[in-house]
Each structure stands twice: as C-alpha cells, then as structure tokens.
C-alpha cells in the first residue's frame, strides 16, 4: 500500500507555523487598527473646534449673530441678515462649498448642540443673547475628545 500517493494535507509543523504567523500579525496589526480609529475621533474633534472658532471669528468680524448647529457627522453655520437679531437666516458654506462647514461620514457619536455666537464674542444658549453659557461637546466616549466653549469669551478649546 502506498502511503503518500492518495493522501494529501498539511503536516502538523505547517499548521503550527501558520498559527504562529497569524498570532504575530495580530499582535502587530491590531494596535495599528485601533490607533487609526483614534485618529478619526481626533480628526473630527479638530474639525468641530475649527468650525466653532470660525463661527466666533465670523460673528465678531461681521458684527452679526452666527448660529452653529453641531450634530454627529456635521457642523453647519448660519448668519443673521441684520444686527440685532435673534435668529440666523443665511447659511455659511464650508470650505468645499457644501452647506456643512465640517462633515464626516466616519464621525463618532457627538453631543448635539446649537450655539449662538453673539457679535460681542459671547456664546449663548439662545439667539437673543441674554445669558452666556459654557458648552462642552463630547465626541465619542473618551474624555480627551471633548470641545469646550467658554460662554463669556467665546474661547474654543
């Protein structure tokens, strides 16, 4: 009887080597994949902070009320047609010409909020601007991915 002619398969040594190689690849590749997911969170945090800084600077420079609507995946800005105003009527297009100033299909869950940037530089919770309010926008579940806005000064951090 011939042992090698009809039987095919992998030897035990070959199977062990494949398992070892897969283990090494998992140890090397898994941290890189997790790190790239963290880059998405940080990139979105930077986009939100940039949009809010732009809203603050636009409100002060144009001496108009600027409304910033922050949601998961997009930040839209709009500006009042006249001063004084309690609502915004005209949208401010983003750098790419779209309605959203910042947008991302990979954006992590984000605390939704509408911020009103007054011409004086203050940030309020209503368009009338009666009370300055501090805001914290949480991006993802990590504490390092938050955007803070100081109501009295409009500082975005």
N, C-alpha and C. Protein backbone atom coordinates (compact mmCIF):
# COMPACT_ATOMS: atom_id res chain seq x y z
N UNK A 1 0.83 -1.17 0.00
CA UNK A 1 0.00 0.00 0.00
C UNK A 1 0.88 1.24 0.00
N UNK A 2 0.50 2.21 -0.80
CA UNK A 2 1.28 3.43 -0.91
C UNK A 2 0.70 4.48 0.04
N UNK A 3 1.50 5.03 0.91
CA UNK A 3 1.03 5.98 1.91
C UNK A 3 0.94 7.40 1.35
N UNK A 4 1.85 7.79 0.51
CA UNK A 4 1.91 9.18 0.07
C UNK A 4 1.13 9.46 -1.21
N UNK A 5 0.75 8.50 -1.97
CA UNK A 5 0.17 8.75 -3.28
C UNK A 5 -1.27 9.26 -3.21
N UNK A 6 -2.11 8.79 -2.28
CA UNK A 6 -3.51 9.20 -2.26
C UNK A 6 -3.86 10.17 -1.13
N UNK A 7 -3.01 10.33 -0.17
CA UNK A 7 -3.31 11.22 0.96
C UNK A 7 -2.65 12.57 0.76
N UNK A 8 -3.44 13.62 0.97
CA UNK A 8 -2.91 14.97 0.88
C UNK A 8 -3.34 15.74 2.11
N UNK A 9 -2.61 16.80 2.45
CA UNK A 9 -2.96 17.62 3.61
C UNK A 9 -1.73 18.33 4.12
N UNK A 10 -1.91 19.04 5.24
CA UNK A 10 -0.82 19.77 5.85
C UNK A 10 -0.25 18.97 6.99
N UNK A 11 1.02 19.16 7.19
CA UNK A 11 1.65 18.48 8.33
C UNK A 11 1.40 19.31 9.58
N UNK A 12 1.64 18.74 10.71
CA UNK A 12 1.44 19.42 11.98
C UNK A 12 2.39 20.62 12.08
N UNK A 13 3.60 20.50 11.59
CA UNK A 13 4.57 21.60 11.64
C UNK A 13 4.08 22.79 10.80
N UNK A 14 3.51 22.51 9.64
CA UNK A 14 2.99 23.59 8.81
C UNK A 14 1.82 24.31 9.49
N UNK A 15 0.93 23.57 10.08
CA UNK A 15 -0.20 24.18 10.78
C UNK A 15 0.25 25.04 11.96
N UNK A 16 1.22 24.57 12.72
CA UNK A 16 1.74 25.34 13.86
C UNK A 16 2.40 26.63 13.37
N UNK A 17 3.13 26.56 12.27
CA UNK A 17 3.78 27.76 11.74
C UNK A 17 2.75 28.80 11.27
N UNK A 18 1.68 28.35 10.65
CA UNK A 18 0.63 29.27 10.21
C UNK A 18 -0.02 29.95 11.42
N UNK A 19 -0.28 29.21 12.48
CA UNK A 19 -0.87 29.78 13.69
C UNK A 19 0.08 30.79 14.33
N UNK A 20 1.37 30.47 14.36
CA UNK A 20 2.35 31.39 14.93
C UNK A 20 2.41 32.68 14.10
N UNK A 21 2.43 32.57 12.80
CA UNK A 21 2.49 33.76 11.94
C UNK A 21 1.22 34.60 12.11
N UNK A 22 0.06 33.97 12.20
CA UNK A 22 -1.18 34.72 12.41
C UNK A 22 -1.17 35.43 13.76
N UNK A 23 -0.61 34.80 14.77
CA UNK A 23 -0.51 35.43 16.09
C UNK A 23 0.39 36.66 16.05
N UNK A 24 1.52 36.56 15.37
CA UNK A 24 2.44 37.69 15.26
C UNK A 24 1.78 38.84 14.49
N UNK A 25 1.08 38.52 13.40
CA UNK A 25 0.40 39.56 12.64
C UNK A 25 -0.70 40.23 13.48
N UNK A 26 -1.41 39.47 14.28
CA UNK A 26 -2.45 40.04 15.13
C UNK A 26 -1.85 40.98 16.17
N UNK A 27 -0.71 40.61 16.72
CA UNK A 27 -0.07 41.45 17.72
C UNK A 27 0.42 42.75 17.10
N UNK A 28 0.90 42.70 15.86
CA UNK A 28 1.41 43.88 15.20
C UNK A 28 0.28 44.72 14.59
N UNK A 29 -0.70 44.11 13.96
CA UNK A 29 -1.73 44.83 13.22
C UNK A 29 -2.83 45.39 14.11
N UNK A 30 -3.23 44.71 15.16
CA UNK A 30 -4.36 45.15 15.98
C UNK A 30 -4.13 46.52 16.62
N UNK A 31 -2.97 46.79 17.21
CA UNK A 31 -2.77 48.14 17.75
C UNK A 31 -2.81 49.24 16.68
N UNK A 32 -2.35 48.93 15.50
CA UNK A 32 -2.38 49.93 14.43
C UNK A 32 -3.80 50.23 13.99
N UNK A 33 -4.64 49.22 13.94
CA UNK A 33 -6.03 49.42 13.56
C UNK A 33 -6.74 50.24 14.63
N UNK A 34 -6.49 49.94 15.90
CA UNK A 34 -7.12 50.70 16.98
C UNK A 34 -6.61 52.14 16.99
N UNK A 35 -5.34 52.34 16.68
CA UNK A 35 -4.79 53.69 16.64
C UNK A 35 -5.42 54.51 15.52
N UNK A 36 -5.67 53.88 14.38
CA UNK A 36 -6.29 54.62 13.28
C UNK A 36 -7.72 55.00 13.63
N UNK A 37 -8.41 54.22 14.42
CA UNK A 37 -9.75 54.58 14.87
C UNK A 37 -9.68 55.80 15.78
N UNK A 38 -8.65 55.90 16.59
CA UNK A 38 -8.46 57.06 17.45
C UNK A 38 -8.17 58.31 16.64
N UNK A 39 -7.50 58.15 15.49
CA UNK A 39 -7.23 59.29 14.61
C UNK A 39 -8.52 59.87 14.07
N UNK A 40 -9.51 59.02 13.76
CA UNK A 40 -10.80 59.50 13.28
C UNK A 40 -11.47 60.38 14.33
N UNK A 41 -11.43 59.94 15.60
CA UNK A 41 -12.02 60.74 16.68
C UNK A 41 -11.31 62.08 16.81
N UNK A 42 -10.00 62.07 16.78
CA UNK A 42 -9.22 63.30 16.93
C UNK A 42 -9.43 64.23 15.74
N UNK A 43 -9.50 63.68 14.54
CA UNK A 43 -9.72 64.50 13.35
C UNK A 43 -11.09 65.17 13.41
N UNK A 44 -12.10 64.44 13.84
CA UNK A 44 -13.44 65.02 13.94
C UNK A 44 -13.48 66.09 15.04
N UNK A 45 -12.79 65.86 16.15
CA UNK A 45 -12.73 66.85 17.22
C UNK A 45 -12.09 68.14 16.69
N UNK A 46 -11.03 68.01 15.92
CA UNK A 46 -10.37 69.18 15.35
C UNK A 46 -11.29 69.92 14.36
N UNK A 47 -12.05 69.16 13.57
CA UNK A 47 -12.99 69.78 12.63
C UNK A 47 -14.07 70.56 13.37
N UNK A 48 -14.61 69.99 14.43
CA UNK A 48 -15.65 70.68 15.22
C UNK A 48 -15.08 71.95 15.85
N UNK A 49 -13.89 71.84 16.45
CA UNK A 49 -13.27 73.00 17.09
C UNK A 49 -12.98 74.09 16.06
N UNK A 50 -12.51 73.73 14.88
CA UNK A 50 -12.23 74.71 13.83
C UNK A 50 -13.51 75.40 13.37
N UNK A 51 -14.58 74.65 13.21
CA UNK A 51 -15.85 75.24 12.80
C UNK A 51 -16.36 76.24 13.84
N UNK A 52 -16.23 75.88 15.12
CA UNK A 52 -16.69 76.78 16.18
C UNK A 52 -15.82 78.03 16.28
N UNK A 53 -14.52 77.88 16.08
CA UNK A 53 -13.64 79.05 16.06
C UNK A 53 -13.99 79.97 14.88
N UNK A 54 -14.30 79.37 13.74
CA UNK A 54 -14.69 80.15 12.58
C UNK A 54 -15.99 80.90 12.86
N UNK A 55 -16.94 80.25 13.52
CA UNK A 55 -18.20 80.89 13.87
C UNK A 55 -17.95 82.09 14.78
N UNK A 56 -17.07 81.93 15.77
CA UNK A 56 -16.75 83.01 16.70
C UNK A 56 -16.13 84.19 15.95
N UNK A 57 -15.14 83.92 15.12
CA UNK A 57 -14.44 84.99 14.40
C UNK A 57 -15.37 85.68 13.39
N UNK A 58 -16.24 84.91 12.75
CA UNK A 58 -17.18 85.50 11.80
C UNK A 58 -18.18 86.41 12.50
N UNK A 59 -18.67 85.99 13.66
CA UNK A 59 -19.62 86.81 14.41
C UNK A 59 -19.01 88.15 14.80
N UNK A 60 -17.79 88.11 15.28
CA UNK A 60 -17.13 89.34 15.71
C UNK A 60 -16.78 90.22 14.50
N UNK A 61 -16.24 89.63 13.45
CA UNK A 61 -15.81 90.40 12.28
C UNK A 61 -16.99 90.99 11.52
N UNK A 62 -18.08 90.23 11.37
CA UNK A 62 -19.23 90.70 10.61
C UNK A 62 -20.22 91.47 11.48
N UNK A 63 -20.01 91.43 12.80
CA UNK A 63 -20.92 92.07 13.76
C UNK A 63 -22.35 91.59 13.56
N UNK A 64 -22.46 90.27 13.44
CA UNK A 64 -23.76 89.62 13.25
C UNK A 64 -23.82 88.38 14.13
N UNK A 65 -25.02 87.95 14.43
CA UNK A 65 -25.25 86.70 15.14
C UNK A 65 -24.91 85.53 14.22
N UNK A 66 -24.12 84.58 14.72
CA UNK A 66 -23.80 83.37 13.97
C UNK A 66 -24.27 82.17 14.77
N UNK A 67 -25.04 81.30 14.14
CA UNK A 67 -25.57 80.10 14.79
C UNK A 67 -24.77 78.89 14.31
N UNK A 68 -24.32 78.07 15.25
CA UNK A 68 -23.58 76.85 14.92
C UNK A 68 -24.40 75.65 15.40
N UNK A 69 -24.76 74.79 14.47
CA UNK A 69 -25.51 73.59 14.80
C UNK A 69 -24.56 72.40 14.70
N UNK A 70 -24.26 71.79 15.85
CA UNK A 70 -23.34 70.66 15.91
C UNK A 70 -24.14 69.38 16.07
N UNK A 71 -23.88 68.41 15.23
CA UNK A 71 -24.53 67.11 15.30
C UNK A 71 -23.52 66.04 14.90
N UNK A 72 -23.88 64.80 15.07
CA UNK A 72 -23.00 63.71 14.66
C UNK A 72 -22.84 63.76 13.15
N UNK A 73 -21.62 63.96 12.69
CA UNK A 73 -21.33 63.94 11.26
C UNK A 73 -21.34 65.27 10.56
N UNK A 74 -21.83 66.34 11.20
CA UNK A 74 -21.81 67.63 10.51
C UNK A 74 -21.89 68.80 11.48
N UNK A 75 -21.31 69.90 11.05
CA UNK A 75 -21.42 71.18 11.74
C UNK A 75 -21.84 72.18 10.68
N UNK A 76 -23.00 72.81 10.88
CA UNK A 76 -23.47 73.81 9.94
C UNK A 76 -23.48 75.17 10.63
N UNK A 77 -23.12 76.19 9.87
CA UNK A 77 -23.08 77.56 10.37
C UNK A 77 -24.05 78.40 9.55
N UNK A 78 -24.70 79.33 10.25
CA UNK A 78 -25.56 80.28 9.56
C UNK A 78 -25.41 81.64 10.24
N UNK A 79 -25.76 82.70 9.51
CA UNK A 79 -25.54 84.05 9.99
C UNK A 79 -26.84 84.85 9.86
N UNK A 80 -27.03 85.80 10.76
CA UNK A 80 -28.20 86.67 10.73
C UNK A 80 -28.05 87.69 9.60
N UNK A 81 -29.18 88.12 9.06
CA UNK A 81 -29.15 89.08 7.97
C UNK A 81 -28.89 90.50 8.44
N UNK A 82 -29.20 90.80 9.69
CA UNK A 82 -29.02 92.16 10.21
C UNK A 82 -28.66 92.07 11.68
N UNK A 83 -28.29 93.21 12.23
CA UNK A 83 -27.96 93.26 13.65
C UNK A 83 -28.81 94.36 14.27
N UNK A 84 -29.52 94.17 15.34
CA UNK A 84 -29.58 92.98 16.16
C UNK A 84 -30.53 91.93 15.57
N UNK A 85 -30.33 90.69 15.97
CA UNK A 85 -31.16 89.59 15.50
C UNK A 85 -31.20 88.51 16.57
N UNK A 86 -32.22 87.68 16.51
CA UNK A 86 -32.32 86.57 17.45
C UNK A 86 -32.32 85.23 16.74
N UNK A 87 -32.21 85.25 15.41
CA UNK A 87 -32.13 84.00 14.65
C UNK A 87 -31.25 84.22 13.42
N UNK A 88 -30.80 83.13 12.86
CA UNK A 88 -29.91 83.18 11.70
C UNK A 88 -30.69 82.75 10.47
N UNK A 89 -30.46 83.43 9.35
CA UNK A 89 -31.24 83.14 8.16
C UNK A 89 -30.40 82.64 6.97
N UNK A 90 -29.16 83.04 6.85
CA UNK A 90 -28.35 82.67 5.69
C UNK A 90 -27.26 81.69 6.11
N UNK A 91 -27.13 80.61 5.36
CA UNK A 91 -26.11 79.62 5.71
C UNK A 91 -24.73 80.11 5.28
N UNK A 92 -23.74 79.68 6.03
CA UNK A 92 -22.34 79.97 5.71
C UNK A 92 -21.76 78.68 5.13
N UNK A 93 -21.40 78.68 3.85
CA UNK A 93 -20.88 77.43 3.27
C UNK A 93 -19.50 77.10 3.82
N UNK A 94 -19.21 75.82 3.81
CA UNK A 94 -17.91 75.35 4.25
C UNK A 94 -16.85 75.62 3.21
N UNK A 95 -15.63 75.18 3.50
CA UNK A 95 -14.51 75.42 2.59
C UNK A 95 -14.69 74.73 1.24
N UNK A 96 -15.42 73.61 1.24
CA UNK A 96 -15.61 72.89 -0.02
C UNK A 96 -16.88 73.34 -0.75
N UNK A 97 -17.57 74.36 -0.23
CA UNK A 97 -18.76 74.88 -0.88
C UNK A 97 -20.05 74.22 -0.45
N UNK A 98 -19.98 73.15 0.32
CA UNK A 98 -21.19 72.47 0.79
C UNK A 98 -21.83 73.25 1.92
N UNK A 99 -23.07 72.90 2.25
CA UNK A 99 -23.79 73.58 3.32
C UNK A 99 -23.15 73.32 4.68
N UNK A 100 -22.60 72.14 4.87
CA UNK A 100 -21.96 71.81 6.14
C UNK A 100 -20.55 72.39 6.18
N UNK A 101 -20.24 73.11 7.25
CA UNK A 101 -18.90 73.67 7.39
C UNK A 101 -17.90 72.55 7.63
N UNK A 102 -18.31 71.56 8.41
CA UNK A 102 -17.49 70.36 8.64
C UNK A 102 -18.40 69.16 8.52
N UNK A 103 -17.94 68.12 7.86
CA UNK A 103 -18.74 66.91 7.76
C UNK A 103 -17.82 65.71 7.64
N UNK A 104 -18.31 64.59 8.15
CA UNK A 104 -17.53 63.36 8.10
C UNK A 104 -18.47 62.17 8.17
N UNK A 105 -18.27 61.23 7.27
CA UNK A 105 -19.07 60.01 7.32
C UNK A 105 -18.55 59.05 8.38
N UNK A 106 -17.31 59.27 8.86
CA UNK A 106 -16.72 58.42 9.88
C UNK A 106 -16.76 59.06 11.26
N UNK A 107 -17.52 60.14 11.41
CA UNK A 107 -17.54 60.86 12.68
C UNK A 107 -18.14 59.99 13.77
N UNK A 108 -17.50 59.95 14.94
CA UNK A 108 -18.08 59.22 16.06
C UNK A 108 -19.27 59.98 16.64
N UNK A 109 -19.99 59.32 17.51
CA UNK A 109 -21.15 59.96 18.14
C UNK A 109 -20.73 61.26 18.81
N UNK A 110 -21.52 62.29 18.58
CA UNK A 110 -21.20 63.63 19.05
C UNK A 110 -22.41 64.22 19.77
N UNK A 111 -22.17 64.94 20.86
CA UNK A 111 -23.25 65.62 21.55
C UNK A 111 -23.82 66.70 20.64
N UNK A 112 -25.12 66.66 20.41
CA UNK A 112 -25.76 67.66 19.56
C UNK A 112 -26.02 68.94 20.35
N UNK A 113 -25.78 70.08 19.70
CA UNK A 113 -26.00 71.37 20.36
C UNK A 113 -26.13 72.46 19.31
N UNK A 114 -26.82 73.53 19.69
CA UNK A 114 -26.85 74.74 18.88
C UNK A 114 -26.27 75.85 19.72
N UNK A 115 -25.22 76.48 19.19
CA UNK A 115 -24.54 77.56 19.89
C UNK A 115 -24.79 78.86 19.14
N UNK A 116 -25.02 79.92 19.88
CA UNK A 116 -25.27 81.23 19.30
C UNK A 116 -24.09 82.14 19.62
N UNK A 117 -23.32 82.49 18.60
CA UNK A 117 -22.17 83.37 18.77
C UNK A 117 -22.64 84.80 18.53
N UNK A 118 -22.60 85.60 19.58
CA UNK A 118 -23.07 86.98 19.52
C UNK A 118 -22.00 87.87 18.89
N UNK A 119 -22.38 89.04 18.34
CA UNK A 119 -21.41 89.96 17.76
C UNK A 119 -20.35 90.43 18.76
N UNK A 120 -20.68 90.38 20.05
CA UNK A 120 -19.73 90.81 21.07
C UNK A 120 -18.69 89.73 21.37
N UNK A 121 -18.87 88.53 20.83
CA UNK A 121 -17.93 87.44 21.07
C UNK A 121 -18.43 86.44 22.10
N UNK A 122 -19.51 86.79 22.81
CA UNK A 122 -20.08 85.87 23.80
C UNK A 122 -20.80 84.72 23.10
N UNK A 123 -20.92 83.60 23.79
CA UNK A 123 -21.66 82.45 23.28
C UNK A 123 -22.84 82.23 24.21
N UNK A 124 -24.04 82.14 23.64
CA UNK A 124 -25.24 82.00 24.44
C UNK A 124 -26.03 80.77 24.02
N UNK A 125 -27.00 80.43 24.85
CA UNK A 125 -27.84 79.27 24.56
C UNK A 125 -29.10 79.67 23.81
N UNK A 126 -29.31 80.99 23.59
CA UNK A 126 -30.45 81.45 22.81
C UNK A 126 -30.01 82.59 21.89
N UNK A 127 -30.79 82.81 20.87
CA UNK A 127 -30.42 83.82 19.89
C UNK A 127 -30.47 85.24 20.42
N UNK A 128 -31.29 85.48 21.44
CA UNK A 128 -31.41 86.83 21.99
C UNK A 128 -30.15 87.25 22.73
N UNK A 129 -29.37 86.29 23.19
CA UNK A 129 -28.10 86.60 23.84
C UNK A 129 -28.21 87.09 25.26
N UNK A 130 -29.27 86.67 25.95
CA UNK A 130 -29.48 87.17 27.31
C UNK A 130 -28.49 86.60 28.31
N UNK A 131 -28.12 85.34 28.18
CA UNK A 131 -27.25 84.71 29.16
C UNK A 131 -26.12 83.95 28.46
N UNK A 132 -24.89 84.24 28.83
CA UNK A 132 -23.75 83.50 28.29
C UNK A 132 -23.76 82.09 28.88
N UNK A 133 -23.39 81.13 28.08
CA UNK A 133 -23.40 79.74 28.53
C UNK A 133 -22.14 79.04 28.08
N UNK A 134 -21.58 78.22 28.97
CA UNK A 134 -20.44 77.38 28.63
C UNK A 134 -20.97 76.09 28.02
N UNK A 135 -20.28 75.59 27.03
CA UNK A 135 -20.68 74.35 26.36
C UNK A 135 -19.53 73.36 26.37
N UNK A 136 -19.87 72.09 26.52
CA UNK A 136 -18.91 71.01 26.35
C UNK A 136 -19.52 70.03 25.37
N UNK A 137 -18.87 69.87 24.25
CA UNK A 137 -19.33 68.95 23.21
C UNK A 137 -18.49 67.70 23.30
N UNK A 138 -19.13 66.59 23.58
CA UNK A 138 -18.44 65.32 23.75
C UNK A 138 -18.43 64.57 22.43
N UNK A 139 -17.25 64.13 22.06
CA UNK A 139 -17.06 63.37 20.83
C UNK A 139 -16.59 61.99 21.24
N UNK A 140 -17.34 60.97 20.87
CA UNK A 140 -17.04 59.60 21.25
C UNK A 140 -17.23 59.46 22.75
N UNK A 141 -16.62 58.47 23.35
CA UNK A 141 -16.78 58.25 24.78
C UNK A 141 -15.50 58.53 25.55
N UNK A 142 -14.47 58.97 24.86
CA UNK A 142 -13.20 59.22 25.51
C UNK A 142 -13.17 60.65 26.06
N UNK A 143 -12.70 60.83 27.29
CA UNK A 143 -12.68 62.17 27.86
C UNK A 143 -11.75 63.14 27.14
N UNK A 144 -10.77 62.64 26.42
CA UNK A 144 -9.84 63.53 25.72
C UNK A 144 -10.43 64.07 24.43
N UNK A 145 -11.60 63.59 24.04
CA UNK A 145 -12.20 64.04 22.79
C UNK A 145 -13.41 64.92 23.08
N UNK A 146 -13.18 66.01 23.80
CA UNK A 146 -14.23 66.99 24.05
C UNK A 146 -13.81 68.34 23.51
N UNK A 147 -14.79 69.14 23.17
CA UNK A 147 -14.55 70.52 22.76
C UNK A 147 -15.28 71.40 23.75
N UNK A 148 -14.55 72.31 24.38
CA UNK A 148 -15.14 73.21 25.37
C UNK A 148 -15.22 74.62 24.81
N UNK A 149 -16.34 75.27 25.06
CA UNK A 149 -16.54 76.65 24.62
C UNK A 149 -16.89 77.48 25.85
N UNK A 150 -16.11 78.52 26.11
CA UNK A 150 -16.37 79.41 27.23
C UNK A 150 -17.35 80.49 26.80
N UNK A 151 -18.45 80.60 27.52
CA UNK A 151 -19.53 81.49 27.12
C UNK A 151 -19.18 82.96 27.13
N UNK A 152 -18.51 83.43 28.15
CA UNK A 152 -18.23 84.87 28.27
C UNK A 152 -17.23 85.37 27.24
N UNK A 153 -16.28 84.54 26.86
CA UNK A 153 -15.24 84.98 25.94
C UNK A 153 -15.36 84.38 24.54
N UNK A 154 -16.07 83.27 24.41
CA UNK A 154 -16.17 82.58 23.12
C UNK A 154 -14.97 81.73 22.80
N UNK A 155 -14.09 81.53 23.79
CA UNK A 155 -12.87 80.74 23.57
C UNK A 155 -13.22 79.28 23.34
N UNK A 156 -12.68 78.70 22.27
CA UNK A 156 -12.90 77.29 21.94
C UNK A 156 -11.64 76.52 22.24
N UNK A 157 -11.77 75.47 23.02
CA UNK A 157 -10.60 74.68 23.43
C UNK A 157 -10.84 73.22 23.16
